[in-house]
């Protein structure tokens, strides 16, 4: 009589979790799974924070560039009119030319005089609160803030031979440099500097 050998059938292994004899998960397995899940969540949160910071920095960068260019354009348009004197009745031109301030006049309404309150006597300067200021008629009470977070404002003056000068009557070109620096997150700042040269065609005519 032949006796067939019996084969021992083994249970299939679970490649994802090792189960206990009762078919559930052990405390060690649960703790391990929880730790893995927490690490994945921490990585996702870190990624989201990084993306948010990058997005905020891009917005601040775009804003700083736009504000700096706008400030340069505002000053350039006004300074270009310095010395405008259609009737040539009174001497009109640049009254003050320092490294951080410029004051000038232009007879925009053609009256032959510089009238108070008519934006015909204008100064641009940087105050102690890092603001670009437009001043009218040489009166500090008329100060108006145009741009905040200004880190630097500088003017240079050149004559018709493109030589730097400090003599008011010789000024023909004004170089403007404006730097704006704004916070962009924790311990991070975005800074942009723009410069331009303005030819004052009405001066010395």
C-alpha atoms as a PDB file:
ATOM      1  CA  UNK A   1       0.000   0.000   0.000  1.00  0.00           C
ATOM      2  CA  UNK A   2       1.401   3.334  -1.070  1.00  0.00           C
ATOM      3  CA  UNK A   3       1.147   6.372   1.154  1.00  0.00           C
ATOM      4  CA  UNK A   4       1.176   9.729  -0.589  1.00  0.00           C
ATOM      5  CA  UNK A   5       3.382  12.332   0.962  1.00  0.00           C
ATOM      6  CA  UNK A   6       1.472  15.382   2.062  1.00  0.00           C
ATOM      7  CA  UNK A   7       2.745  18.821   1.077  1.00  0.00           C
ATOM      8  CA  UNK A   8       2.925  21.561   3.647  1.00  0.00           C
ATOM      9  CA  UNK A   9       0.960  24.539   2.370  1.00  0.00           C
ATOM     10  CA  UNK A  10       2.392  27.877   3.471  1.00  0.00           C
ATOM     11  CA  UNK A  11       0.371  31.014   3.746  1.00  0.00           C
ATOM     12  CA  UNK A  12       1.208  33.763   1.308  1.00  0.00           C
ATOM     13  CA  UNK A  13       3.273  36.554   2.709  1.00  0.00           C
ATOM     14  CA  UNK A  14       1.886  40.092   2.877  1.00  0.00           C
ATOM     15  CA  UNK A  15       4.505  42.308   1.326  1.00  0.00           C
ATOM     16  CA  UNK A  16       3.032  45.442   2.828  1.00  0.00           C
ATOM     17  CA  UNK A  17       2.458  44.621   6.491  1.00  0.00           C
ATOM     18  CA  UNK A  18       3.522  41.756   8.719  1.00  0.00           C
ATOM     19  CA  UNK A  19       0.434  40.667  10.609  1.00  0.00           C
ATOM     20  CA  UNK A  20       0.204  39.069  13.983  1.00  0.00           C
ATOM     21  CA  UNK A  21      -1.085  35.538  14.583  1.00  0.00           C
ATOM     22  CA  UNK A  22      -4.618  36.839  15.127  1.00  0.00           C
ATOM     23  CA  UNK A  23      -4.632  38.646  11.737  1.00  0.00           C
ATOM     24  CA  UNK A  24      -4.377  42.253  13.089  1.00  0.00           C
ATOM     25  CA  UNK A  25      -1.529  44.753  13.403  1.00  0.00           C
ATOM     26  CA  UNK A  26       0.859  44.897  16.297  1.00  0.00           C
ATOM     27  CA  UNK A  27       1.516  48.083  18.257  1.00  0.00           C
ATOM     28  CA  UNK A  28       4.973  48.297  16.710  1.00  0.00           C
ATOM     29  CA  UNK A  29       3.505  48.161  13.223  1.00  0.00           C
ATOM     30  CA  UNK A  30       0.969  50.876  13.996  1.00  0.00           C
ATOM     31  CA  UNK A  31       3.632  53.148  15.490  1.00  0.00           C
ATOM     32  CA  UNK A  32       5.847  52.608  12.442  1.00  0.00           C
ATOM     33  CA  UNK A  33       2.989  53.392  10.042  1.00  0.00           C
ATOM     34  CA  UNK A  34       2.075  56.493  12.015  1.00  0.00           C
ATOM     35  CA  UNK A  35       5.688  57.691  11.979  1.00  0.00           C
ATOM     36  CA  UNK A  36       5.897  57.237   8.199  1.00  0.00           C
ATOM     37  CA  UNK A  37       2.628  59.117   7.718  1.00  0.00           C
ATOM     38  CA  UNK A  38       3.848  62.000   9.904  1.00  0.00           C
ATOM     39  CA  UNK A  39       7.090  62.248   7.931  1.00  0.00           C
ATOM     40  CA  UNK A  40       5.149  62.385   4.660  1.00  0.00           C
ATOM     41  CA  UNK A  41       2.846  65.093   6.046  1.00  0.00           C
ATOM     42  CA  UNK A  42       5.820  67.089   7.346  1.00  0.00           C
ATOM     43  CA  UNK A  43       7.447  66.938   3.918  1.00  0.00           C
ATOM     44  CA  UNK A  44       4.217  68.136   2.270  1.00  0.00           C
ATOM     45  CA  UNK A  45       3.863  71.028   4.731  1.00  0.00           C
ATOM     46  CA  UNK A  46       7.498  72.020   4.184  1.00  0.00           C
ATOM     47  CA  UNK A  47       6.937  71.992   0.414  1.00  0.00           C
ATOM     48  CA  UNK A  48       3.812  74.145   0.717  1.00  0.00           C
ATOM     49  CA  UNK A  49       5.619  76.652   2.942  1.00  0.00           C
ATOM     50  CA  UNK A  50       8.521  76.873   0.477  1.00  0.00           C
ATOM     51  CA  UNK A  51       6.138  77.409  -2.444  1.00  0.00           C
ATOM     52  CA  UNK A  52       4.244  80.071  -0.504  1.00  0.00           C
ATOM     53  CA  UNK A  53       7.470  81.919   0.335  1.00  0.00           C
ATOM     54  CA  UNK A  54       8.627  81.777  -3.276  1.00  0.00           C
ATOM     55  CA  UNK A  55       5.267  83.101  -4.466  1.00  0.00           C
ATOM     56  CA  UNK A  56       5.350  85.927  -1.917  1.00  0.00           C
ATOM     57  CA  UNK A  57       8.922  86.832  -2.898  1.00  0.00           C
ATOM     58  CA  UNK A  58       7.944  86.966  -6.580  1.00  0.00           C
ATOM     59  CA  UNK A  59       5.032  89.287  -5.782  1.00  0.00           C
ATOM     60  CA  UNK A  60       7.255  91.577  -3.717  1.00  0.00           C
ATOM     61  CA  UNK A  61       9.900  91.607  -6.455  1.00  0.00           C
ATOM     62  CA  UNK A  62       7.355  92.601  -9.088  1.00  0.00           C
ATOM     63  CA  UNK A  63       5.943  95.271  -6.790  1.00  0.00           C
ATOM     64  CA  UNK A  64       9.354  96.745  -5.981  1.00  0.00           C
ATOM     65  CA  UNK A  65      10.299  96.914  -9.662  1.00  0.00           C
ATOM     66  CA  UNK A  66       7.031  98.615 -10.556  1.00  0.00           C
ATOM     67  CA  UNK A  67       7.234 101.153  -7.727  1.00  0.00           C
ATOM     68  CA  UNK A  68      10.881 102.016  -8.441  1.00  0.00           C
ATOM     69  CA  UNK A  69      10.235 102.581 -12.123  1.00  0.00           C
ATOM     70  CA  UNK A  70       7.167 104.686 -11.322  1.00  0.00           C
ATOM     71  CA  UNK A  71       9.197 106.875  -8.962  1.00  0.00           C
ATOM     72  CA  UNK A  72      11.910 107.412 -11.569  1.00  0.00           C
ATOM     73  CA  UNK A  73       9.329 108.270 -14.237  1.00  0.00           C
ATOM     74  CA  UNK A  74       7.507 110.775 -12.003  1.00  0.00           C
ATOM     75  CA  UNK A  75      10.704 112.659 -11.191  1.00  0.00           C
ATOM     76  CA  UNK A  76      12.043 112.487 -14.755  1.00  0.00           C
ATOM     77  CA  UNK A  77       8.891 113.982 -16.273  1.00  0.00           C
ATOM     78  CA  UNK A  78       8.916 116.906 -13.850  1.00  0.00           C
ATOM     79  CA  UNK A  79      12.683 117.575 -13.963  1.00  0.00           C
ATOM     80  CA  UNK A  80      12.593 117.573 -17.774  1.00  0.00           C
ATOM     81  CA  UNK A  81      10.373 120.682 -17.553  1.00  0.00           C
ATOM     82  CA  UNK A  82      12.823 122.583 -15.318  1.00  0.00           C
ATOM     83  CA  UNK A  83      13.492 126.066 -16.633  1.00  0.00           C
ATOM     84  CA  UNK A  84      10.410 126.243 -18.855  1.00  0.00           C
ATOM     85  CA  UNK A  85       9.858 129.975 -19.315  1.00  0.00           C
ATOM     86  CA  UNK A  86       7.747 130.776 -22.389  1.00  0.00           C
ATOM     87  CA  UNK A  87       7.535 134.541 -21.764  1.00  0.00           C
ATOM     88  CA  UNK A  88      11.148 134.822 -20.556  1.00  0.00           C
ATOM     89  CA  UNK A  89      10.135 137.434 -17.996  1.00  0.00           C
ATOM     90  CA  UNK A  90      11.891 136.107 -14.915  1.00  0.00           C
ATOM     91  CA  UNK A  91      14.901 133.854 -14.441  1.00  0.00           C
ATOM     92  CA  UNK A  92      13.520 130.339 -13.913  1.00  0.00           C
ATOM     93  CA  UNK A  93      15.530 127.151 -13.417  1.00  0.00           C
ATOM     94  CA  UNK A  94      17.127 124.928 -10.787  1.00  0.00           C
ATOM     95  CA  UNK A  95      17.183 126.505  -7.326  1.00  0.00           C
ATOM     96  CA  UNK A  96      18.867 123.716  -5.360  1.00  0.00           C
ATOM     97  CA  UNK A  97      21.018 120.832  -6.553  1.00  0.00           C
ATOM     98  CA  UNK A  98      22.445 118.562  -3.859  1.00  0.00           C
ATOM     99  CA  UNK A  99      23.227 114.865  -3.771  1.00  0.00           C
ATOM    100  CA  UNK A 100      19.877 113.979  -2.176  1.00  0.00           C
ATOM    101  CA  UNK A 101      17.604 116.855  -3.141  1.00  0.00           C
ATOM    102  CA  UNK A 102      16.685 118.844  -6.204  1.00  0.00           C
ATOM    103  CA  UNK A 103      14.445 121.910  -6.342  1.00  0.00           C
ATOM    104  CA  UNK A 104      13.462 123.582  -9.597  1.00  0.00           C
ATOM    105  CA  UNK A 105      10.876 125.843 -11.211  1.00  0.00           C
ATOM    106  CA  UNK A 106       8.960 125.872 -14.477  1.00  0.00           C
ATOM    107  CA  UNK A 107       6.297 128.240 -15.741  1.00  0.00           C
ATOM    108  CA  UNK A 108       3.793 125.659 -16.961  1.00  0.00           C
ATOM    109  CA  UNK A 109       0.836 128.046 -17.289  1.00  0.00           C
ATOM    110  CA  UNK A 110       2.807 130.699 -19.190  1.00  0.00           C
ATOM    111  CA  UNK A 111       1.985 133.516 -16.789  1.00  0.00           C
ATOM    112  CA  UNK A 112       5.579 134.744 -16.579  1.00  0.00           C
ATOM    113  CA  UNK A 113       5.719 134.190 -12.826  1.00  0.00           C
ATOM    114  CA  UNK A 114       5.999 131.215 -10.501  1.00  0.00           C
ATOM    115  CA  UNK A 115       2.628 130.948  -8.814  1.00  0.00           C
ATOM    116  CA  UNK A 116       2.255 129.357  -5.389  1.00  0.00           C
ATOM    117  CA  UNK A 117       0.185 126.203  -5.329  1.00  0.00           C
ATOM    118  CA  UNK A 118       0.406 125.628  -9.092  1.00  0.00           C
ATOM    119  CA  UNK A 119       3.077 122.885  -9.070  1.00  0.00           C
ATOM    120  CA  UNK A 120       5.558 125.311 -10.618  1.00  0.00           C
ATOM    121  CA  UNK A 121       8.077 125.163  -7.741  1.00  0.00           C
ATOM    122  CA  UNK A 122       8.854 121.534  -6.955  1.00  0.00           C
ATOM    123  CA  UNK A 123      11.459 119.659  -4.934  1.00  0.00           C
ATOM    124  CA  UNK A 124      12.202 115.944  -4.597  1.00  0.00           C
ATOM    125  CA  UNK A 125      14.016 114.626  -1.548  1.00  0.00           C
ATOM    126  CA  UNK A 126      14.358 111.685   0.825  1.00  0.00           C
ATOM    127  CA  UNK A 127      13.098 112.130   4.384  1.00  0.00           C
ATOM    128  CA  UNK A 128      14.104 110.360   7.591  1.00  0.00           C
ATOM    129  CA  UNK A 129      11.298 107.809   7.234  1.00  0.00           C
ATOM    130  CA  UNK A 130      12.712 106.425   3.981  1.00  0.00           C
ATOM    131  CA  UNK A 131      10.044 108.113   1.883  1.00  0.00           C
ATOM    132  CA  UNK A 132      10.398 109.842  -1.468  1.00  0.00           C
ATOM    133  CA  UNK A 133       8.935 113.296  -0.882  1.00  0.00           C
ATOM    134  CA  UNK A 134       7.576 115.862  -3.312  1.00  0.00           C
ATOM    135  CA  UNK A 135       7.661 119.364  -1.859  1.00  0.00           C
ATOM    136  CA  UNK A 136       5.910 122.435  -3.249  1.00  0.00           C
ATOM    137  CA  UNK A 137       7.034 126.055  -3.109  1.00  0.00           C
ATOM    138  CA  UNK A 138       9.897 125.271  -0.729  1.00  0.00           C
ATOM    139  CA  UNK A 139       7.413 124.685   2.087  1.00  0.00           C
ATOM    140  CA  UNK A 140       7.946 121.520   4.146  1.00  0.00           C
ATOM    141  CA  UNK A 141       4.270 121.618   5.150  1.00  0.00           C
ATOM    142  CA  UNK A 142       3.405 120.742   1.571  1.00  0.00           C
ATOM    143  CA  UNK A 143       5.460 117.534   1.732  1.00  0.00           C
ATOM    144  CA  UNK A 144       3.728 114.616   0.045  1.00  0.00           C
ATOM    145  CA  UNK A 145       4.989 111.046   0.263  1.00  0.00           C
ATOM    146  CA  UNK A 146       5.207 109.373  -3.143  1.00  0.00           C
ATOM    147  CA  UNK A 147       7.015 106.106  -2.330  1.00  0.00           C
ATOM    148  CA  UNK A 148       7.780 104.241   0.900  1.00  0.00           C
ATOM    149  CA  UNK A 149      10.722 101.928   1.705  1.00  0.00           C
ATOM    150  CA  UNK A 150      13.193 104.084  -0.218  1.00  0.00           C
ATOM    151  CA  UNK A 151      16.701 102.982   0.666  1.00  0.00           C
ATOM    152  CA  UNK A 152      18.561 105.595  -1.380  1.00  0.00           C
ATOM    153  CA  UNK A 153      17.905 108.633  -3.574  1.00  0.00           C
ATOM    154  CA  UNK A 154      20.789 110.284  -5.390  1.00  0.00           C
ATOM    155  CA  UNK A 155      21.192 113.056  -7.942  1.00  0.00           C
ATOM    156  CA  UNK A 156      24.166 113.968 -10.117  1.00  0.00           C
ATOM    157  CA  UNK A 157      24.426 117.040 -12.327  1.00  0.00           C
ATOM    158  CA  UNK A 158      26.246 117.514 -15.625  1.00  0.00           C
ATOM    159  CA  UNK A 159      26.937 120.472 -17.907  1.00  0.00           C
ATOM    160  CA  UNK A 160      26.636 120.593 -21.709  1.00  0.00           C
ATOM    161  CA  UNK A 161      30.072 118.986 -22.035  1.00  0.00           C
ATOM    162  CA  UNK A 162      28.845 116.060 -19.891  1.00  0.00           C
ATOM    163  CA  UNK A 163      31.167 117.072 -17.061  1.00  0.00           C
ATOM    164  CA  UNK A 164      29.834 116.765 -13.515  1.00  0.00           C
ATOM    165  CA  UNK A 165      29.092 120.184 -12.032  1.00  0.00           C
ATOM    166  CA  UNK A 166      27.656 121.835  -8.937  1.00  0.00           C
ATOM    167  CA  UNK A 167      27.096 125.242 -10.569  1.00  0.00           C
ATOM    168  CA  UNK A 168      23.352 125.775 -10.949  1.00  0.00           C
ATOM    169  CA  UNK A 169      23.578 127.848 -14.132  1.00  0.00           C
ATOM    170  CA  UNK A 170      25.723 125.203 -15.831  1.00  0.00           C
ATOM    171  CA  UNK A 171      23.389 122.254 -15.227  1.00  0.00           C
ATOM    172  CA  UNK A 172      22.083 120.703 -18.412  1.00  0.00           C
ATOM    173  CA  UNK A 173      21.534 117.042 -17.468  1.00  0.00           C
ATOM    174  CA  UNK A 174      20.362 115.445 -14.219  1.00  0.00           C
ATOM    175  CA  UNK A 175      21.091 111.825 -13.352  1.00  0.00           C
ATOM    176  CA  UNK A 176      18.555 110.213 -10.981  1.00  0.00           C
ATOM    177  CA  UNK A 177      19.155 107.009  -9.017  1.00  0.00           C
ATOM    178  CA  UNK A 178      16.435 105.459  -6.845  1.00  0.00           C
ATOM    179  CA  UNK A 179      16.695 102.333  -4.666  1.00  0.00           C
ATOM    180  CA  UNK A 180      13.639 100.716  -3.068  1.00  0.00           C
ATOM    181  CA  UNK A 181      14.007  97.929  -0.502  1.00  0.00           C
ATOM    182  CA  UNK A 182      10.983  96.053   0.853  1.00  0.00           C
ATOM    183  CA  UNK A 183      10.623  93.057   3.218  1.00  0.00           C
ATOM    184  CA  UNK A 184       9.806  89.711   1.600  1.00  0.00           C
ATOM    185  CA  UNK A 185       9.328  87.234   4.408  1.00  0.00           C
ATOM    186  CA  UNK A 186      11.318  86.522   7.526  1.00  0.00           C
ATOM    187  CA  UNK A 187      14.779  88.144   7.471  1.00  0.00           C
ATOM    188  CA  UNK A 188      14.592  88.602   3.698  1.00  0.00           C
ATOM    189  CA  UNK A 189      14.454  91.781   1.620  1.00  0.00           C
ATOM    190  CA  UNK A 190      14.028  92.599  -2.047  1.00  0.00           C
ATOM    191  CA  UNK A 191      15.970  95.589  -3.361  1.00  0.00           C
ATOM    192  CA  UNK A 192      15.913  97.196  -6.794  1.00  0.00           C
ATOM    193  CA  UNK A 193      17.797 100.212  -8.141  1.00  0.00           C
ATOM    194  CA  UNK A 194      16.941 102.159 -11.278  1.00  0.00           C
ATOM    195  CA  UNK A 195      18.764 105.097 -12.796  1.00  0.00           C
ATOM    196  CA  UNK A 196      18.112 107.465 -15.651  1.00  0.00           C
ATOM    197  CA  UNK A 197      19.450 110.684 -17.155  1.00  0.00           C
ATOM    198  CA  UNK A 198      17.221 113.621 -17.896  1.00  0.00           C
ATOM    199  CA  UNK A 199      18.196 116.368 -20.333  1.00  0.00           C
ATOM    200  CA  UNK A 200      16.747 119.718 -19.222  1.00  0.00           C
ATOM    201  CA  UNK A 201      16.368 121.352 -22.625  1.00  0.00           C
ATOM    202  CA  UNK A 202      14.798 124.479 -21.177  1.00  0.00           C
ATOM    203  CA  UNK A 203      17.817 125.371 -19.037  1.00  0.00           C
ATOM    204  CA  UNK A 204      20.258 127.944 -20.321  1.00  0.00           C
ATOM    205  CA  UNK A 205      18.027 129.058 -23.185  1.00  0.00           C
END
